[in-house]
């Protein structure tokens, strides 16, 4: 355990400069966005009013001064004032209000991708060049090739409009838990809190509204997990220990699940962690298509309005989430493989 904790500490120390570089890169690109003073004051604002607004909000300060101010505000998770809105709210309040919806969407999408990807990839490896393998390969190719925004529109048109199997996604408290009282669901994690409360009605409504965007968002990581599972399983099934287990009369299901699949999990876990970045990037398109009240849509709206602080804070939050997920993946390596624990010393 001490070895694992030491390894985690080293990885966490590496994450700090990485996040600083990400925030610095985002700040360097913010001049490409529209002027936030136009979004706040309107296109017909006078030059004097624009200059006064920029001076009041510190938009004309030196680059390093503004970046240092952001790092200071990020340490408190407030990220400074939302300069486009005039209600005095902070960027951190907007992020905290929207991050739970993105987190639950990404979690559901990744669970779908991992479960279906493992099953499809394993079947393709156990039955190579047969129907199951062909279906898995076509499935993976389509998932990696079809644009997420087009698939979102088509899925909504088919399942919500034509067939009426699923409702139009509406991730709001009045829909998921209409009987909730004041102060309920304070964390805004509607699905997870419903599960914790054992409120089966709320869980069912949440899953119904989550199904379409989660399925659409899962297509890209699903394709990658399927192909990685098939490739690693084919390699493991050809090794000597698998032939020995079969020669001893072990059932085929045990050979595949207890032996080959367990040893193939390390590269699958790796690619699952890496796909988190693609998942968060795809969330911007998916949330925009389905009007999902998440962080991706919040950042997309900020880009259109030129709200630089929200863009930087949103991208920084995505990057921090990606770093944390990959840190957890590294911890899983050390805990699962004794050889890595010896190498981490």
C-alpha atoms as a PDB file:
ATOM      1  CA  UNK A   1       0.000   0.000   0.000  1.00  0.00           C
ATOM      2  CA  UNK A   2       2.842   2.402   0.812  1.00  0.00           C
ATOM      3  CA  UNK A   3       4.344   1.746  -2.618  1.00  0.00           C
ATOM      4  CA  UNK A   4       1.024   2.544  -4.262  1.00  0.00           C
ATOM      5  CA  UNK A   5       0.647   5.747  -2.232  1.00  0.00           C
ATOM      6  CA  UNK A   6       4.154   6.835  -3.158  1.00  0.00           C
ATOM      7  CA  UNK A   7       3.438   6.193  -6.811  1.00  0.00           C
ATOM      8  CA  UNK A   8       0.200   8.161  -6.584  1.00  0.00           C
ATOM      9  CA  UNK A   9       2.057  11.055  -4.976  1.00  0.00           C
ATOM     10  CA  UNK A  10       4.609  11.137  -7.792  1.00  0.00           C
ATOM     11  CA  UNK A  11       1.899  11.109 -10.433  1.00  0.00           C
ATOM     12  CA  UNK A  12      -0.018  13.863  -8.644  1.00  0.00           C
ATOM     13  CA  UNK A  13       3.083  16.047  -8.571  1.00  0.00           C
ATOM     14  CA  UNK A  14       3.432  15.593 -12.334  1.00  0.00           C
ATOM     15  CA  UNK A  15      -0.215  16.620 -12.809  1.00  0.00           C
ATOM     16  CA  UNK A  16       0.312  20.067 -11.248  1.00  0.00           C
ATOM     17  CA  UNK A  17       2.677  21.474 -13.907  1.00  0.00           C
ATOM     18  CA  UNK A  18       0.589  19.799 -16.579  1.00  0.00           C
ATOM     19  CA  UNK A  19      -2.504  21.715 -15.492  1.00  0.00           C
ATOM     20  CA  UNK A  20      -0.500  24.940 -15.356  1.00  0.00           C
ATOM     21  CA  UNK A  21       0.623  24.388 -18.949  1.00  0.00           C
ATOM     22  CA  UNK A  22      -2.983  23.707 -20.005  1.00  0.00           C
ATOM     23  CA  UNK A  23      -4.212  26.927 -18.397  1.00  0.00           C
ATOM     24  CA  UNK A  24      -1.346  28.868 -19.973  1.00  0.00           C
ATOM     25  CA  UNK A  25      -2.165  27.480 -23.418  1.00  0.00           C
ATOM     26  CA  UNK A  26      -5.836  28.364 -23.003  1.00  0.00           C
ATOM     27  CA  UNK A  27      -4.963  31.892 -21.984  1.00  0.00           C
ATOM     28  CA  UNK A  28      -2.713  32.258 -25.008  1.00  0.00           C
ATOM     29  CA  UNK A  29      -5.653  31.402 -27.296  1.00  0.00           C
ATOM     30  CA  UNK A  30      -8.294  33.619 -25.691  1.00  0.00           C
ATOM     31  CA  UNK A  31      -7.405  36.664 -27.888  1.00  0.00           C
ATOM     32  CA  UNK A  32      -8.856  34.648 -30.796  1.00  0.00           C
ATOM     33  CA  UNK A  33     -12.297  34.775 -29.160  1.00  0.00           C
ATOM     34  CA  UNK A  34     -14.738  37.647 -29.739  1.00  0.00           C
ATOM     35  CA  UNK A  35     -14.348  40.634 -27.457  1.00  0.00           C
ATOM     36  CA  UNK A  36     -16.355  39.963 -24.244  1.00  0.00           C
ATOM     37  CA  UNK A  37     -17.074  43.671 -23.912  1.00  0.00           C
ATOM     38  CA  UNK A  38     -19.214  43.445 -27.059  1.00  0.00           C
ATOM     39  CA  UNK A  39     -21.216  40.569 -25.554  1.00  0.00           C
ATOM     40  CA  UNK A  40     -21.718  42.547 -22.346  1.00  0.00           C
ATOM     41  CA  UNK A  41     -22.307  46.071 -23.715  1.00  0.00           C
ATOM     42  CA  UNK A  42     -23.670  45.344 -27.190  1.00  0.00           C
ATOM     43  CA  UNK A  43     -22.346  46.068 -30.659  1.00  0.00           C
ATOM     44  CA  UNK A  44     -23.315  49.745 -30.521  1.00  0.00           C
ATOM     45  CA  UNK A  45     -21.374  50.566 -27.345  1.00  0.00           C
ATOM     46  CA  UNK A  46     -19.080  53.561 -27.584  1.00  0.00           C
ATOM     47  CA  UNK A  47     -15.313  53.192 -27.523  1.00  0.00           C
ATOM     48  CA  UNK A  48     -15.188  55.029 -24.206  1.00  0.00           C
ATOM     49  CA  UNK A  49     -17.607  52.589 -22.585  1.00  0.00           C
ATOM     50  CA  UNK A  50     -15.722  49.608 -24.003  1.00  0.00           C
ATOM     51  CA  UNK A  51     -12.397  50.974 -22.744  1.00  0.00           C
ATOM     52  CA  UNK A  52     -13.866  51.651 -19.298  1.00  0.00           C
ATOM     53  CA  UNK A  53     -15.358  48.141 -19.138  1.00  0.00           C
ATOM     54  CA  UNK A  54     -12.080  46.471 -20.137  1.00  0.00           C
ATOM     55  CA  UNK A  55     -10.143  48.521 -17.600  1.00  0.00           C
ATOM     56  CA  UNK A  56     -12.648  47.732 -14.832  1.00  0.00           C
ATOM     57  CA  UNK A  57     -12.543  44.000 -15.527  1.00  0.00           C
ATOM     58  CA  UNK A  58      -8.764  43.862 -15.941  1.00  0.00           C
ATOM     59  CA  UNK A  59      -8.929  42.726 -19.570  1.00  0.00           C
ATOM     60  CA  UNK A  60      -6.107  45.101 -20.554  1.00  0.00           C
ATOM     61  CA  UNK A  61      -3.734  43.928 -17.841  1.00  0.00           C
ATOM     62  CA  UNK A  62      -0.499  42.206 -18.917  1.00  0.00           C
ATOM     63  CA  UNK A  63      -0.848  38.587 -19.950  1.00  0.00           C
ATOM     64  CA  UNK A  64       1.078  37.126 -17.018  1.00  0.00           C
ATOM     65  CA  UNK A  65      -0.935  39.219 -14.560  1.00  0.00           C
ATOM     66  CA  UNK A  66      -4.230  37.871 -15.924  1.00  0.00           C
ATOM     67  CA  UNK A  67      -2.899  34.321 -15.980  1.00  0.00           C
ATOM     68  CA  UNK A  68      -1.653  34.586 -12.397  1.00  0.00           C
ATOM     69  CA  UNK A  69      -5.065  35.910 -11.357  1.00  0.00           C
ATOM     70  CA  UNK A  70      -6.714  32.898 -12.964  1.00  0.00           C
ATOM     71  CA  UNK A  71      -4.382  30.438 -11.205  1.00  0.00           C
ATOM     72  CA  UNK A  72      -5.158  32.139  -7.890  1.00  0.00           C
ATOM     73  CA  UNK A  73      -8.912  31.983  -8.502  1.00  0.00           C
ATOM     74  CA  UNK A  74      -8.697  28.374  -9.721  1.00  0.00           C
ATOM     75  CA  UNK A  75      -7.134  27.377  -6.395  1.00  0.00           C
ATOM     76  CA  UNK A  76     -10.398  28.451  -4.713  1.00  0.00           C
ATOM     77  CA  UNK A  77     -12.556  26.793  -7.428  1.00  0.00           C
ATOM     78  CA  UNK A  78     -14.288  30.105  -8.164  1.00  0.00           C
ATOM     79  CA  UNK A  79     -12.360  31.021 -11.356  1.00  0.00           C
ATOM     80  CA  UNK A  80     -13.190  34.695 -11.014  1.00  0.00           C
ATOM     81  CA  UNK A  81     -16.201  36.769 -12.073  1.00  0.00           C
ATOM     82  CA  UNK A  82     -18.361  35.930 -15.076  1.00  0.00           C
ATOM     83  CA  UNK A  83     -17.727  39.178 -16.953  1.00  0.00           C
ATOM     84  CA  UNK A  84     -20.481  38.688 -19.523  1.00  0.00           C
ATOM     85  CA  UNK A  85     -23.302  38.292 -16.998  1.00  0.00           C
ATOM     86  CA  UNK A  86     -24.287  41.264 -14.869  1.00  0.00           C
ATOM     87  CA  UNK A  87     -25.584  39.428 -11.786  1.00  0.00           C
ATOM     88  CA  UNK A  88     -22.246  39.258  -9.989  1.00  0.00           C
ATOM     89  CA  UNK A  89     -21.994  35.468 -10.270  1.00  0.00           C
ATOM     90  CA  UNK A  90     -18.663  33.686 -10.557  1.00  0.00           C
ATOM     91  CA  UNK A  91     -17.526  31.262 -13.222  1.00  0.00           C
ATOM     92  CA  UNK A  92     -17.121  28.608 -10.536  1.00  0.00           C
ATOM     93  CA  UNK A  93     -20.818  28.792  -9.700  1.00  0.00           C
ATOM     94  CA  UNK A  94     -21.709  28.154 -13.340  1.00  0.00           C
ATOM     95  CA  UNK A  95     -19.296  25.222 -13.556  1.00  0.00           C
ATOM     96  CA  UNK A  96     -20.508  23.633 -10.316  1.00  0.00           C
ATOM     97  CA  UNK A  97     -24.108  23.943 -11.491  1.00  0.00           C
ATOM     98  CA  UNK A  98     -23.388  22.172 -14.784  1.00  0.00           C
ATOM     99  CA  UNK A  99     -20.580  19.709 -14.073  1.00  0.00           C
ATOM    100  CA  UNK A 100     -22.839  17.066 -12.415  1.00  0.00           C
ATOM    101  CA  UNK A 101     -24.929  16.717 -15.593  1.00  0.00           C
ATOM    102  CA  UNK A 102     -21.782  16.233 -17.701  1.00  0.00           C
ATOM    103  CA  UNK A 103     -20.297  13.813 -15.173  1.00  0.00           C
ATOM    104  CA  UNK A 104     -23.364  11.567 -15.115  1.00  0.00           C
ATOM    105  CA  UNK A 105     -23.642  11.660 -18.905  1.00  0.00           C
ATOM    106  CA  UNK A 106     -19.963  10.762 -19.337  1.00  0.00           C
ATOM    107  CA  UNK A 107     -20.178   8.047 -16.669  1.00  0.00           C
ATOM    108  CA  UNK A 108     -23.174   6.413 -18.344  1.00  0.00           C
ATOM    109  CA  UNK A 109     -21.535   6.643 -21.783  1.00  0.00           C
ATOM    110  CA  UNK A 110     -18.291   5.098 -20.540  1.00  0.00           C
ATOM    111  CA  UNK A 111     -20.123   2.260 -18.783  1.00  0.00           C
ATOM    112  CA  UNK A 112     -21.964   1.480 -22.019  1.00  0.00           C
ATOM    113  CA  UNK A 113     -18.724   1.637 -24.002  1.00  0.00           C
ATOM    114  CA  UNK A 114     -16.795  -0.620 -21.620  1.00  0.00           C
ATOM    115  CA  UNK A 115     -19.499  -3.263 -21.147  1.00  0.00           C
ATOM    116  CA  UNK A 116     -20.507  -3.555 -24.804  1.00  0.00           C
ATOM    117  CA  UNK A 117     -16.909  -3.152 -25.987  1.00  0.00           C
ATOM    118  CA  UNK A 118     -15.668  -5.984 -23.772  1.00  0.00           C
ATOM    119  CA  UNK A 119     -18.454  -8.299 -24.888  1.00  0.00           C
ATOM    120  CA  UNK A 120     -18.159  -7.473 -28.601  1.00  0.00           C
ATOM    121  CA  UNK A 121     -14.356  -7.604 -28.612  1.00  0.00           C
ATOM    122  CA  UNK A 122     -14.205 -10.869 -26.669  1.00  0.00           C
ATOM    123  CA  UNK A 123     -16.751 -12.529 -28.961  1.00  0.00           C
ATOM    124  CA  UNK A 124     -14.808 -11.341 -31.992  1.00  0.00           C
ATOM    125  CA  UNK A 125     -11.606 -12.862 -30.588  1.00  0.00           C
ATOM    126  CA  UNK A 126     -13.195 -16.167 -29.545  1.00  0.00           C
ATOM    127  CA  UNK A 127     -14.940 -16.559 -32.926  1.00  0.00           C
ATOM    128  CA  UNK A 128     -12.527 -14.928 -35.413  1.00  0.00           C
ATOM    129  CA  UNK A 129     -13.650 -14.453 -39.020  1.00  0.00           C
ATOM    130  CA  UNK A 130     -17.173 -15.551 -38.145  1.00  0.00           C
ATOM    131  CA  UNK A 131     -20.474 -13.718 -37.879  1.00  0.00           C
ATOM    132  CA  UNK A 132     -19.837 -12.432 -34.337  1.00  0.00           C
ATOM    133  CA  UNK A 133     -16.440 -11.082 -35.365  1.00  0.00           C
ATOM    134  CA  UNK A 134     -17.831  -9.426 -38.503  1.00  0.00           C
ATOM    135  CA  UNK A 135     -20.635  -7.755 -36.544  1.00  0.00           C
ATOM    136  CA  UNK A 136     -18.163  -6.491 -33.936  1.00  0.00           C
ATOM    137  CA  UNK A 137     -15.844  -5.081 -36.603  1.00  0.00           C
ATOM    138  CA  UNK A 138     -18.655  -3.332 -38.465  1.00  0.00           C
ATOM    139  CA  UNK A 139     -19.983  -2.004 -35.183  1.00  0.00           C
ATOM    140  CA  UNK A 140     -16.565  -0.578 -34.277  1.00  0.00           C
ATOM    141  CA  UNK A 141     -16.023   0.924 -37.732  1.00  0.00           C
ATOM    142  CA  UNK A 142     -19.398   2.672 -37.760  1.00  0.00           C
ATOM    143  CA  UNK A 143     -18.908   3.964 -34.223  1.00  0.00           C
ATOM    144  CA  UNK A 144     -15.548   5.487 -35.092  1.00  0.00           C
ATOM    145  CA  UNK A 145     -16.658   6.967 -38.421  1.00  0.00           C
ATOM    146  CA  UNK A 146     -20.116   8.471 -37.900  1.00  0.00           C
ATOM    147  CA  UNK A 147     -20.037  12.083 -36.618  1.00  0.00           C
ATOM    148  CA  UNK A 148     -21.505  12.430 -33.146  1.00  0.00           C
ATOM    149  CA  UNK A 149     -23.670  15.449 -33.985  1.00  0.00           C
ATOM    150  CA  UNK A 150     -25.273  13.700 -36.991  1.00  0.00           C
ATOM    151  CA  UNK A 151     -25.831  10.516 -35.004  1.00  0.00           C
ATOM    152  CA  UNK A 152     -27.451  12.558 -32.235  1.00  0.00           C
ATOM    153  CA  UNK A 153     -29.943  14.153 -34.602  1.00  0.00           C
ATOM    154  CA  UNK A 154     -30.776  10.823 -36.259  1.00  0.00           C
ATOM    155  CA  UNK A 155     -31.145   8.982 -32.949  1.00  0.00           C
ATOM    156  CA  UNK A 156     -33.445  11.676 -31.599  1.00  0.00           C
ATOM    157  CA  UNK A 157     -35.527  11.644 -34.769  1.00  0.00           C
ATOM    158  CA  UNK A 158     -35.839   7.851 -34.789  1.00  0.00           C
ATOM    159  CA  UNK A 159     -36.264   6.889 -31.136  1.00  0.00           C
ATOM    160  CA  UNK A 160     -37.927  10.022 -29.730  1.00  0.00           C
ATOM    161  CA  UNK A 161     -40.006  11.283 -32.674  1.00  0.00           C
ATOM    162  CA  UNK A 162     -40.802   8.372 -34.973  1.00  0.00           C
ATOM    163  CA  UNK A 163     -40.861   5.343 -32.652  1.00  0.00           C
ATOM    164  CA  UNK A 164     -41.522   7.273 -29.412  1.00  0.00           C
ATOM    165  CA  UNK A 165     -39.570   4.676 -27.442  1.00  0.00           C
ATOM    166  CA  UNK A 166     -37.664   7.292 -25.446  1.00  0.00           C
ATOM    167  CA  UNK A 167     -38.526  10.824 -24.359  1.00  0.00           C
ATOM    168  CA  UNK A 168     -36.685  13.888 -25.570  1.00  0.00           C
ATOM    169  CA  UNK A 169     -33.807  14.312 -23.089  1.00  0.00           C
ATOM    170  CA  UNK A 170     -34.671  16.814 -20.360  1.00  0.00           C
ATOM    171  CA  UNK A 171     -32.198  16.718 -17.485  1.00  0.00           C
ATOM    172  CA  UNK A 172     -33.954  18.879 -14.922  1.00  0.00           C
ATOM    173  CA  UNK A 173     -35.143  18.362 -11.366  1.00  0.00           C
ATOM    174  CA  UNK A 174     -38.788  19.002 -12.242  1.00  0.00           C
ATOM    175  CA  UNK A 175     -38.668  16.037 -14.657  1.00  0.00           C
ATOM    176  CA  UNK A 176     -36.445  13.574 -12.800  1.00  0.00           C
ATOM    177  CA  UNK A 177     -37.772  14.220  -9.278  1.00  0.00           C
ATOM    178  CA  UNK A 178     -40.889  16.394  -9.438  1.00  0.00           C
ATOM    179  CA  UNK A 179     -41.772  15.615  -5.791  1.00  0.00           C
ATOM    180  CA  UNK A 180     -38.403  16.767  -4.437  1.00  0.00           C
ATOM    181  CA  UNK A 181     -38.617  19.369  -1.704  1.00  0.00           C
ATOM    182  CA  UNK A 182     -36.467  22.424  -1.038  1.00  0.00           C
ATOM    183  CA  UNK A 183     -32.860  21.501  -0.434  1.00  0.00           C
ATOM    184  CA  UNK A 184     -33.178  18.043  -1.982  1.00  0.00           C
ATOM    185  CA  UNK A 185     -30.630  17.055  -4.625  1.00  0.00           C
ATOM    186  CA  UNK A 186     -28.285  19.757  -3.389  1.00  0.00           C
ATOM    187  CA  UNK A 187     -25.345  18.124  -5.186  1.00  0.00           C
ATOM    188  CA  UNK A 188     -27.245  18.230  -8.533  1.00  0.00           C
ATOM    189  CA  UNK A 189     -26.242  14.609  -9.262  1.00  0.00           C
ATOM    190  CA  UNK A 190     -29.782  13.623 -10.178  1.00  0.00           C
ATOM    191  CA  UNK A 191     -29.180   9.982 -11.099  1.00  0.00           C
ATOM    192  CA  UNK A 192     -26.668   9.167  -8.370  1.00  0.00           C
ATOM    193  CA  UNK A 193     -28.743  10.815  -5.641  1.00  0.00           C
ATOM    194  CA  UNK A 194     -31.853   9.009  -6.867  1.00  0.00           C
ATOM    195  CA  UNK A 195     -29.961   5.716  -6.582  1.00  0.00           C
ATOM    196  CA  UNK A 196     -28.780   6.636  -3.089  1.00  0.00           C
ATOM    197  CA  UNK A 197     -32.373   7.404  -2.082  1.00  0.00           C
ATOM    198  CA  UNK A 198     -33.659   4.142  -3.630  1.00  0.00           C
ATOM    199  CA  UNK A 199     -36.214   6.250  -5.486  1.00  0.00           C
ATOM    200  CA  UNK A 200     -36.964   3.814  -8.298  1.00  0.00           C
ATOM    201  CA  UNK A 201     -39.364   6.186 -10.041  1.00  0.00           C
ATOM    202  CA  UNK A 202     -36.742   8.934 -10.229  1.00  0.00           C
ATOM    203  CA  UNK A 203     -34.096   6.419 -11.328  1.00  0.00           C
ATOM    204  CA  UNK A 204     -36.338   5.166 -14.138  1.00  0.00           C
ATOM    205  CA  UNK A 205     -37.090   8.685 -15.361  1.00  0.00           C
ATOM    206  CA  UNK A 206     -33.417   9.606 -15.165  1.00  0.00           C
ATOM    207  CA  UNK A 207     -32.343   6.556 -17.170  1.00  0.00           C
ATOM    208  CA  UNK A 208     -35.018   7.210 -19.795  1.00  0.00           C
ATOM    209  CA  UNK A 209     -33.806  10.777 -20.356  1.00  0.00           C
ATOM    210  CA  UNK A 210     -30.145   9.750 -20.157  1.00  0.00           C
ATOM    211  CA  UNK A 211     -30.353   6.853 -22.626  1.00  0.00           C
ATOM    212  CA  UNK A 212     -30.222   8.723 -25.958  1.00  0.00           C
ATOM    213  CA  UNK A 213     -27.340  11.132 -25.264  1.00  0.00           C
ATOM    214  CA  UNK A 214     -25.359   8.444 -23.426  1.00  0.00           C
ATOM    215  CA  UNK A 215     -25.690   5.969 -26.300  1.00  0.00           C
ATOM    216  CA  UNK A 216     -24.669   8.604 -28.833  1.00  0.00           C
ATOM    217  CA  UNK A 217     -21.711   9.779 -26.753  1.00  0.00           C
ATOM    218  CA  UNK A 218     -20.509   6.203 -26.179  1.00  0.00           C
ATOM    219  CA  UNK A 219     -20.004   5.368 -29.851  1.00  0.00           C
ATOM    220  CA  UNK A 220     -16.389   6.569 -30.186  1.00  0.00           C
ATOM    221  CA  UNK A 221     -14.978   4.964 -26.999  1.00  0.00           C
ATOM    222  CA  UNK A 222     -17.073   1.878 -27.730  1.00  0.00           C
ATOM    223  CA  UNK A 223     -15.331   1.438 -31.082  1.00  0.00           C
ATOM    224  CA  UNK A 224     -11.882   1.833 -29.542  1.00  0.00           C
ATOM    225  CA  UNK A 225     -12.562  -0.515 -26.614  1.00  0.00           C
ATOM    226  CA  UNK A 226     -14.005  -3.142 -28.963  1.00  0.00           C
ATOM    227  CA  UNK A 227     -10.970  -3.152 -31.243  1.00  0.00           C
ATOM    228  CA  UNK A 228      -8.491  -3.107 -28.359  1.00  0.00           C
ATOM    229  CA  UNK A 229     -10.297  -5.973 -26.603  1.00  0.00           C
ATOM    230  CA  UNK A 230     -10.330  -8.066 -29.764  1.00  0.00           C
ATOM    231  CA  UNK A 231      -6.628  -7.480 -30.475  1.00  0.00           C
ATOM    232  CA  UNK A 232      -5.426  -8.211 -26.939  1.00  0.00           C
ATOM    233  CA  UNK A 233      -7.719 -11.194 -26.533  1.00  0.00           C
ATOM    234  CA  UNK A 234      -6.446 -12.722 -29.791  1.00  0.00           C
ATOM    235  CA  UNK A 235      -2.897 -12.355 -28.487  1.00  0.00           C
ATOM    236  CA  UNK A 236      -3.692 -13.861 -25.087  1.00  0.00           C
ATOM    237  CA  UNK A 237      -5.686 -16.760 -26.510  1.00  0.00           C
ATOM    238  CA  UNK A 238      -2.614 -17.836 -28.478  1.00  0.00           C
ATOM    239  CA  UNK A 239      -0.309 -18.012 -25.469  1.00  0.00           C
ATOM    240  CA  UNK A 240       0.993 -21.206 -23.877  1.00  0.00           C
ATOM    241  CA  UNK A 241      -0.906 -20.882 -20.588  1.00  0.00           C
ATOM    242  CA  UNK A 242      -4.213 -20.858 -22.497  1.00  0.00           C
ATOM    243  CA  UNK A 243      -3.254 -24.011 -24.387  1.00  0.00           C
ATOM    244  CA  UNK A 244      -2.221 -25.615 -21.094  1.00  0.00           C
ATOM    245  CA  UNK A 245      -5.540 -24.727 -19.456  1.00  0.00           C
ATOM    246  CA  UNK A 246      -7.440 -26.198 -22.386  1.00  0.00           C
ATOM    247  CA  UNK A 247      -5.296 -29.347 -22.328  1.00  0.00           C
ATOM    248  CA  UNK A 248      -6.157 -29.809 -18.648  1.00  0.00           C
ATOM    249  CA  UNK A 249      -9.848 -29.805 -19.562  1.00  0.00           C
ATOM    250  CA  UNK A 250     -10.789 -26.378 -18.188  1.00  0.00           C
ATOM    251  CA  UNK A 251     -14.173 -25.153 -19.500  1.00  0.00           C
ATOM    252  CA  UNK A 252     -13.865 -22.727 -22.407  1.00  0.00           C
ATOM    253  CA  UNK A 253     -15.811 -20.025 -20.600  1.00  0.00           C
ATOM    254  CA  UNK A 254     -13.339 -20.195 -17.697  1.00  0.00           C
ATOM    255  CA  UNK A 255     -10.370 -20.097 -20.069  1.00  0.00           C
ATOM    256  CA  UNK A 256     -11.732 -16.991 -21.779  1.00  0.00           C
ATOM    257  CA  UNK A 257     -12.976 -15.063 -18.731  1.00  0.00           C
ATOM    258  CA  UNK A 258     -10.706 -16.161 -15.867  1.00  0.00           C
ATOM    259  CA  UNK A 259      -7.458 -16.445 -17.806  1.00  0.00           C
ATOM    260  CA  UNK A 260      -7.332 -14.627 -21.148  1.00  0.00           C
ATOM    261  CA  UNK A 261      -9.615 -11.683 -20.361  1.00  0.00           C
ATOM    262  CA  UNK A 262      -8.001 -10.942 -16.992  1.00  0.00           C
ATOM    263  CA  UNK A 263      -4.541 -10.763 -18.538  1.00  0.00           C
ATOM    264  CA  UNK A 264      -5.856  -8.616 -21.383  1.00  0.00           C
ATOM    265  CA  UNK A 265      -7.348  -6.005 -19.068  1.00  0.00           C
ATOM    266  CA  UNK A 266      -4.206  -3.852 -18.610  1.00  0.00           C
ATOM    267  CA  UNK A 267      -4.154  -2.414 -22.162  1.00  0.00           C
ATOM    268  CA  UNK A 268      -7.951  -2.194 -22.122  1.00  0.00           C
ATOM    269  CA  UNK A 269      -7.845  -0.136 -18.921  1.00  0.00           C
ATOM    270  CA  UNK A 270      -5.208   2.057 -20.563  1.00  0.00           C
ATOM    271  CA  UNK A 271      -7.296   2.844 -23.592  1.00  0.00           C
ATOM    272  CA  UNK A 272     -10.383   3.357 -21.426  1.00  0.00           C
ATOM    273  CA  UNK A 273      -8.594   6.052 -19.464  1.00  0.00           C
ATOM    274  CA  UNK A 274      -7.310   7.712 -22.626  1.00  0.00           C
ATOM    275  CA  UNK A 275     -10.773   7.703 -24.153  1.00  0.00           C
ATOM    276  CA  UNK A 276     -12.004   9.891 -21.320  1.00  0.00           C
ATOM    277  CA  UNK A 277     -10.475  12.875 -23.097  1.00  0.00           C
ATOM    278  CA  UNK A 278     -12.291  12.067 -26.322  1.00  0.00           C
ATOM    279  CA  UNK A 279     -15.456  11.497 -24.301  1.00  0.00           C
ATOM    280  CA  UNK A 280     -15.279  14.959 -22.729  1.00  0.00           C
ATOM    281  CA  UNK A 281     -14.564  16.533 -26.102  1.00  0.00           C
ATOM    282  CA  UNK A 282     -17.528  14.735 -27.646  1.00  0.00           C
ATOM    283  CA  UNK A 283     -19.700  15.908 -24.771  1.00  0.00           C
ATOM    284  CA  UNK A 284     -19.584  19.435 -26.194  1.00  0.00           C
ATOM    285  CA  UNK A 285     -21.294  18.300 -29.404  1.00  0.00           C
ATOM    286  CA  UNK A 286     -23.639  15.832 -27.717  1.00  0.00           C
ATOM    287  CA  UNK A 287     -24.811  18.335 -25.113  1.00  0.00           C
ATOM    288  CA  UNK A 288     -25.377  20.955 -27.799  1.00  0.00           C
ATOM    289  CA  UNK A 289     -27.445  18.569 -29.945  1.00  0.00           C
ATOM    290  CA  UNK A 290     -29.602  17.387 -27.030  1.00  0.00           C
ATOM    291  CA  UNK A 291     -29.699  20.754 -25.202  1.00  0.00           C
ATOM    292  CA  UNK A 292     -28.092  18.985 -22.242  1.00  0.00           C
ATOM    293  CA  UNK A 293     -27.466  21.405 -19.339  1.00  0.00           C
ATOM    294  CA  UNK A 294     -23.865  20.364 -18.896  1.00  0.00           C
ATOM    295  CA  UNK A 295     -20.404  21.848 -18.905  1.00  0.00           C
ATOM    296  CA  UNK A 296     -19.775  21.162 -22.588  1.00  0.00           C
ATOM    297  CA  UNK A 297     -22.757  23.230 -23.670  1.00  0.00           C
ATOM    298  CA  UNK A 298     -21.752  25.942 -21.185  1.00  0.00           C
ATOM    299  CA  UNK A 299     -18.299  26.186 -22.788  1.00  0.00           C
ATOM    300  CA  UNK A 300     -19.740  26.167 -26.312  1.00  0.00           C
ATOM    301  CA  UNK A 301     -22.040  29.066 -25.464  1.00  0.00           C
ATOM    302  CA  UNK A 302     -19.093  30.900 -23.889  1.00  0.00           C
ATOM    303  CA  UNK A 303     -17.080  30.520 -27.101  1.00  0.00           C
ATOM    304  CA  UNK A 304     -19.888  32.052 -29.134  1.00  0.00           C
ATOM    305  CA  UNK A 305     -20.279  34.969 -26.713  1.00  0.00           C
ATOM    306  CA  UNK A 306     -16.564  35.559 -26.312  1.00  0.00           C
ATOM    307  CA  UNK A 307     -16.645  34.829 -22.584  1.00  0.00           C
ATOM    308  CA  UNK A 308     -12.940  34.037 -22.218  1.00  0.00           C
ATOM    309  CA  UNK A 309     -12.893  33.300 -18.465  1.00  0.00           C
ATOM    310  CA  UNK A 310     -15.616  30.667 -18.862  1.00  0.00           C
ATOM    311  CA  UNK A 311     -13.798  29.065 -21.821  1.00  0.00           C
ATOM    312  CA  UNK A 312     -10.502  28.863 -19.950  1.00  0.00           C
ATOM    313  CA  UNK A 313     -12.131  27.589 -16.758  1.00  0.00           C
ATOM    314  CA  UNK A 314     -14.207  25.018 -18.649  1.00  0.00           C
ATOM    315  CA  UNK A 315     -11.250  23.643 -20.602  1.00  0.00           C
ATOM    316  CA  UNK A 316      -9.206  23.627 -17.396  1.00  0.00           C
ATOM    317  CA  UNK A 317     -11.966  21.613 -15.668  1.00  0.00           C
ATOM    318  CA  UNK A 318     -12.029  19.121 -18.545  1.00  0.00           C
ATOM    319  CA  UNK A 319      -8.244  18.790 -18.362  1.00  0.00           C
ATOM    320  CA  UNK A 320      -8.284  18.362 -14.580  1.00  0.00           C
ATOM    321  CA  UNK A 321     -10.946  15.652 -14.872  1.00  0.00           C
ATOM    322  CA  UNK A 322      -8.892  13.891 -17.539  1.00  0.00           C
ATOM    323  CA  UNK A 323      -5.763  14.030 -15.350  1.00  0.00           C
ATOM    324  CA  UNK A 324      -7.652  12.656 -12.335  1.00  0.00           C
ATOM    325  CA  UNK A 325      -9.109   9.783 -14.364  1.00  0.00           C
ATOM    326  CA  UNK A 326      -5.696   8.823 -15.726  1.00  0.00           C
ATOM    327  CA  UNK A 327      -4.270   9.053 -12.219  1.00  0.00           C
ATOM    328  CA  UNK A 328      -6.913   6.550 -11.093  1.00  0.00           C
ATOM    329  CA  UNK A 329      -5.971   4.332 -14.040  1.00  0.00           C
ATOM    330  CA  UNK A 330      -2.312   4.406 -12.962  1.00  0.00           C
ATOM    331  CA  UNK A 331      -3.351   3.462  -9.428  1.00  0.00           C
ATOM    332  CA  UNK A 332      -5.373   0.559 -10.829  1.00  0.00           C
ATOM    333  CA  UNK A 333      -2.255  -0.667 -12.644  1.00  0.00           C
ATOM    334  CA  UNK A 334      -0.200  -0.734  -9.460  1.00  0.00           C
ATOM    335  CA  UNK A 335      -2.919  -2.458  -7.447  1.00  0.00           C
ATOM    336  CA  UNK A 336      -3.699  -5.043 -10.131  1.00  0.00           C
ATOM    337  CA  UNK A 337      -0.226  -6.043 -11.345  1.00  0.00           C
ATOM    338  CA  UNK A 338       2.502  -7.052  -8.848  1.00  0.00           C
ATOM    339  CA  UNK A 339       5.180  -6.487 -11.505  1.00  0.00           C
ATOM    340  CA  UNK A 340       4.233  -2.809 -11.695  1.00  0.00           C
ATOM    341  CA  UNK A 341       4.333  -2.540  -7.900  1.00  0.00           C
ATOM    342  CA  UNK A 342       7.934  -3.787  -7.963  1.00  0.00           C
ATOM    343  CA  UNK A 343       8.759  -1.318 -10.741  1.00  0.00           C
ATOM    344  CA  UNK A 344       7.205   1.600  -8.843  1.00  0.00           C
ATOM    345  CA  UNK A 345       9.704   1.245  -5.987  1.00  0.00           C
END
